Structures are given as C-alpha cells and as structure tokens.
Protein backbone atom coordinates (compact mmCIF):
# COMPACT_ATOMS: atom_id res chain seq x y z
CA MET A 1 -58.58 -69.53 -72.35
CA PRO A 2 -62.14 -68.43 -71.84
CA THR A 3 -64.65 -71.42 -70.76
CA MET A 4 -67.98 -71.64 -72.36
CA SER A 5 -69.14 -69.63 -69.33
CA ASP A 6 -67.74 -67.02 -70.22
CA ILE A 7 -68.92 -66.71 -73.86
CA GLY A 8 -72.70 -65.50 -73.48
CA PRO A 9 -75.17 -66.22 -76.74
CA THR A 10 -77.34 -63.19 -77.37
CA VAL A 11 -80.22 -62.58 -79.24
CA GLY A 12 -79.01 -61.09 -82.06
CA GLY A 13 -76.06 -63.57 -82.17
CA ARG A 14 -79.16 -66.15 -82.74
CA ALA A 15 -80.73 -63.70 -84.95
CA ALA A 16 -77.83 -63.27 -87.29
CA GLY A 17 -77.27 -66.85 -87.21
CA ILE A 18 -80.60 -67.69 -88.15
CA ILE A 19 -81.11 -65.11 -90.75
CA GLY A 20 -78.08 -66.47 -92.29
CA LEU A 21 -78.62 -70.01 -92.29
CA LEU A 22 -82.37 -68.81 -94.05
CA VAL A 23 -80.09 -66.80 -96.82
CA ALA A 24 -78.19 -69.96 -97.29
CA LEU A 25 -81.81 -72.20 -97.64
CA GLY A 26 -82.71 -69.63 -100.51
CA ILE A 27 -79.66 -69.62 -102.55
CA CYS A 28 -79.19 -73.36 -102.45
CA GLY A 29 -83.16 -73.69 -103.01
CA VAL A 30 -82.99 -71.21 -106.29
CA THR A 31 -80.19 -72.87 -107.34
CA LEU A 32 -80.95 -76.26 -107.21
CA SER A 33 -83.86 -75.25 -108.74
CA GLN A 34 -82.62 -73.54 -111.77
CA ALA A 35 -79.52 -76.41 -112.33
CA ALA A 36 -82.63 -78.88 -112.52
CA VAL A 37 -84.26 -76.41 -115.21
CA ALA A 38 -80.82 -76.51 -116.98
CA ALA A 39 -80.78 -79.87 -117.40
CA GLY A 40 -83.95 -80.25 -118.63
CA ILE A 41 -85.01 -82.40 -115.15
CA LEU A 42 -87.69 -79.55 -114.95
CA GLY A 43 -89.59 -76.92 -117.17
CA THR A 44 -90.21 -76.89 -121.06
CA GLY A 45 -87.67 -76.99 -122.96
CA GLY A 46 -88.18 -75.11 -126.42
CA LYS A 47 -85.96 -72.08 -128.17
CA LEU A 48 -85.35 -68.81 -127.67
CA THR A 49 -84.88 -66.28 -130.72
CA VAL A 50 -83.14 -63.77 -129.13
CA SER A 51 -83.69 -60.10 -130.76
CA ASP A 52 -81.84 -58.12 -128.82
CA CYS A 53 -79.41 -57.92 -125.84
CA HIS A 54 -78.26 -55.57 -123.42
CA SER A 55 -75.36 -55.46 -120.77
CA GLY A 56 -76.25 -56.97 -117.40
CA GLY A 57 -72.98 -55.01 -115.72
CA GLY A 58 -70.01 -56.99 -114.18
CA GLY A 59 -67.45 -55.48 -116.32
CA ARG A 60 -65.66 -57.07 -119.28
CA GLY A 61 -67.41 -60.26 -119.86
CA GLY A 62 -69.81 -60.34 -118.04
CA MET A 63 -73.39 -61.55 -117.82
CA ARG A 64 -76.55 -60.32 -120.75
CA HIS A 65 -79.47 -60.04 -120.38
CA CYS A 66 -80.92 -61.31 -124.13
CA TYR A 67 -84.67 -60.66 -124.66
CA GLY A 68 -86.93 -62.76 -127.29
CA THR A 69 -89.73 -65.32 -128.54
CA PHE A 70 -89.56 -68.65 -126.90
CA HIS A 71 -91.08 -71.36 -128.57
CA PRO A 72 -91.81 -74.40 -126.73
CA ALA A 73 -90.81 -77.75 -127.97
CA GLY A 74 -92.61 -79.06 -130.50
CA ALA A 75 -93.46 -76.26 -132.24
CA GLU A 76 -91.87 -76.74 -135.85
CA ASP A 77 -88.66 -74.15 -136.45
CA GLY A 78 -90.52 -71.71 -134.77
CA ALA A 79 -94.09 -72.10 -136.15
CA GLY A 80 -97.50 -71.93 -133.88
CA PRO A 81 -97.95 -69.66 -131.05
CA PRO A 82 -94.76 -68.48 -129.03
CA SER A 83 -95.90 -68.77 -125.41
CA ALA A 84 -93.70 -66.03 -124.28
CA PRO A 85 -92.72 -62.88 -126.65
CA ARG A 86 -90.60 -60.65 -124.57
CA ALA A 87 -88.84 -63.59 -122.74
CA ARG A 88 -85.30 -63.21 -121.12
CA VAL A 89 -82.99 -65.11 -120.51
CA ASN A 90 -79.19 -64.12 -118.98
CA THR A 91 -76.24 -65.54 -121.33
CA ARG A 92 -72.70 -64.40 -122.45
CA GLU A 93 -72.63 -65.55 -125.81
CA ALA A 94 -75.93 -64.61 -127.19
CA GLU A 95 -76.37 -62.13 -130.09
CA PRO A 96 -79.25 -60.58 -131.81
CA GLY A 97 -80.49 -63.40 -134.60
CA ASP A 98 -79.47 -66.61 -132.36
CA THR A 99 -81.56 -69.23 -131.41
CA LEU A 100 -80.86 -70.25 -128.01
CA PRO A 101 -81.70 -73.61 -126.41
CA VAL A 102 -83.57 -72.96 -123.02
CA HIS A 103 -85.90 -74.27 -120.37
CA LYS A 104 -88.85 -72.38 -119.35
CA GLY A 105 -88.95 -72.79 -115.43
CA SER A 106 -91.36 -71.51 -112.56
CA THR A 107 -88.54 -68.60 -112.09
CA GLY A 108 -87.76 -68.10 -115.78
CA TYR A 109 -85.61 -69.04 -118.62
CA VAL A 110 -82.63 -70.49 -118.24
CA VAL A 111 -80.12 -71.67 -121.26
CA SER A 112 -80.26 -75.06 -121.35
CA GLY A 113 -77.48 -77.50 -121.26
CA MET A 114 -74.72 -79.31 -118.48
CA GLY A 115 -72.48 -76.48 -118.54
CA SER A 116 -75.31 -74.00 -117.64
CA ALA A 117 -76.44 -76.65 -114.83
CA TRP A 118 -72.74 -77.09 -113.12
CA SER A 119 -72.87 -73.73 -112.80
CA HIS A 120 -75.80 -73.28 -111.08
CA LEU A 121 -74.59 -76.29 -108.64
CA ALA A 122 -71.34 -74.47 -108.12
CA PHE A 123 -73.40 -71.58 -106.53
CA ALA A 124 -75.61 -74.14 -104.91
CA PHE A 125 -72.18 -75.27 -102.55
CA LEU A 126 -71.34 -71.21 -101.94
CA GLY A 127 -75.05 -71.34 -100.48
CA LEU A 128 -73.99 -74.55 -98.30
CA LEU A 129 -70.50 -72.60 -97.51
CA ILE A 130 -72.97 -69.53 -95.77
CA GLY A 131 -74.73 -72.15 -94.25
CA SER A 132 -71.19 -73.97 -92.31
CA ALA A 133 -70.63 -69.94 -91.25
CA ALA A 134 -74.30 -69.49 -90.13
CA LEU A 135 -74.60 -72.77 -88.14
CA PRO A 136 -72.64 -72.19 -85.19
CA VAL A 137 -73.57 -68.30 -85.10
CA THR A 138 -76.95 -69.68 -84.56
CA ALA A 139 -76.12 -72.63 -82.17
CA SER A 140 -73.82 -71.16 -80.36
CA GLY A 141 -75.67 -67.48 -80.19
CA VAL A 142 -71.99 -65.83 -79.92
CA LEU A 143 -71.03 -63.21 -82.64
CA PRO A 144 -67.29 -62.71 -83.90
CA ARG A 145 -66.27 -59.52 -82.52
CA ARG A 146 -63.20 -57.55 -83.22
CA GLY A 147 -61.30 -56.25 -79.95
CA SER A 148 -62.85 -58.17 -77.01
CA PRO A 149 -61.32 -61.18 -75.78
CA GLY A 150 -63.16 -64.33 -75.01
CA GLN A 151 -65.66 -63.28 -77.69
CA ASP A 152 -64.77 -65.57 -80.05
CA LEU A 153 -67.29 -68.21 -81.85
CA PHE A 154 -64.50 -70.93 -82.13
CA THR A 155 -64.09 -70.61 -78.89
CA ALA A 156 -67.57 -71.46 -78.23
CA VAL A 157 -67.88 -74.33 -80.50
CA ARG A 158 -64.31 -75.73 -80.01
CA GLY A 159 -64.01 -79.32 -79.74
CA THR A 160 -68.14 -79.55 -80.31
CA ARG A 161 -69.76 -82.24 -82.61
CA LEU A 162 -71.30 -78.61 -83.78
CA ALA A 163 -67.93 -77.32 -85.23
CA TRP A 164 -66.71 -81.22 -86.59
CA PHE A 165 -70.33 -80.66 -88.59
CA ALA A 166 -69.30 -77.26 -89.58
CA LYS A 167 -66.08 -77.93 -90.25
CA ARG A 168 -67.08 -80.64 -92.59
CA LEU A 169 -69.87 -78.41 -94.46
CA ALA A 170 -67.43 -75.68 -95.52
CA LEU A 171 -64.77 -78.38 -96.63
CA THR A 172 -67.12 -80.21 -98.75
CA SER A 173 -68.89 -76.54 -99.75
CA VAL A 174 -65.49 -75.37 -101.15
CA ALA A 175 -64.74 -79.13 -102.89
CA GLY A 176 -67.92 -78.81 -104.26
CA ALA A 177 -67.85 -75.60 -105.75
CA ALA A 178 -64.38 -75.70 -106.85
CA LEU A 179 -65.35 -78.86 -109.10
CA CYS A 180 -68.91 -77.68 -110.56
CA ALA A 181 -67.01 -74.04 -111.51
CA TYR A 182 -64.02 -76.75 -113.15
CA LEU A 183 -67.34 -78.62 -115.28
CA ALA A 184 -68.79 -75.87 -115.82
CA TRP A 185 -66.37 -73.94 -117.79
CA LEU A 186 -65.04 -77.08 -119.59
CA LEU A 187 -68.60 -78.17 -120.40
C-alpha cells in the first residue's frame, strides 16, 4: 500500500478542489436564498397573473417558463400599478390566465410555498455533496486518476480527520437532499 509520501499534491489538484468548493458554495448560496424567498422569509410577496408559458426543456414533466404581470401584496386584486409587467417564474403547473402566489427576491420571482422552499433546500444539500467531494481534493491536492496506482485520493486522506468530516458531510448531504425532496413532493 502506498504511503502518503508516495502521493504528491499537484497544483491542478488543488485548483480543481478550489473550483469544486466555489461551485458548491455558489450552489448552496443561491439555493438557500431562493428557499428563503419561497418560504416568505425574504423578498416581496404578491401575485403573478400568467400571460404565457414556454417549455423550459427537460422533457416530459419539465419546468415551464411562465411570464406575466406581478402585483405586490397590498394591491387589491391586481389594482394599482404592477411592479413588473413581464415577470418570469419557473413552474410546472401554471397555464395562461392562472394567478400564482409568488415572492420577488434579488434574483427574480419564485413560487411561494413550503413545497417550493423544500425543493430549493434539496438542491442546497446537493451543493454540500459537491463540497464533500471537493474538500479532500483541495486539502490533499491529489486528483483521482485512472490507471495510475498510488495516485488515489482516498489513499491520500484515509484515516485523517478530513476524511471523517468529508464522509459525514456526504452522508448528511444525501440524507438531507432525500428528505427535502420527499417533503417537496409531499407538500
């Protein structure tokens, strides 16, 4: 079995790990923000009257991009000036003519409700899963390589506190994503 001295860190390994951690941090930050907006903790509540929808790809049951007029909460039944005449929200269920409860956040409009918040939280946990894979790569500087014995990431971090932490983070991420996805489906 190769020892730690046989496995050398590389600049590419550390760079790949840092990029992975930045991607994980970005995914977690954006999805946590969107979850807070969907739950009504952040943002401006209101209603969006859908005027048209377009398929967003993803095949059958995929997301649709729906456009319409956003009226902030407090405007009686859409009375008063709309804050955005061409607001966009991603949803599966909306059809032209529908009125959706939405919240306006810093990055756009999100359908309000706990089901939407739980689905965003599931993606935050998937971001943590990416981080749990990038953490050992960043710390050790070793990239897993095919066909080169001794250059294994898991050999480089086996038995360390980092390996223990990364494993727990990965298990927690998978469990959290599964629980949030179930709650999103349930609600």
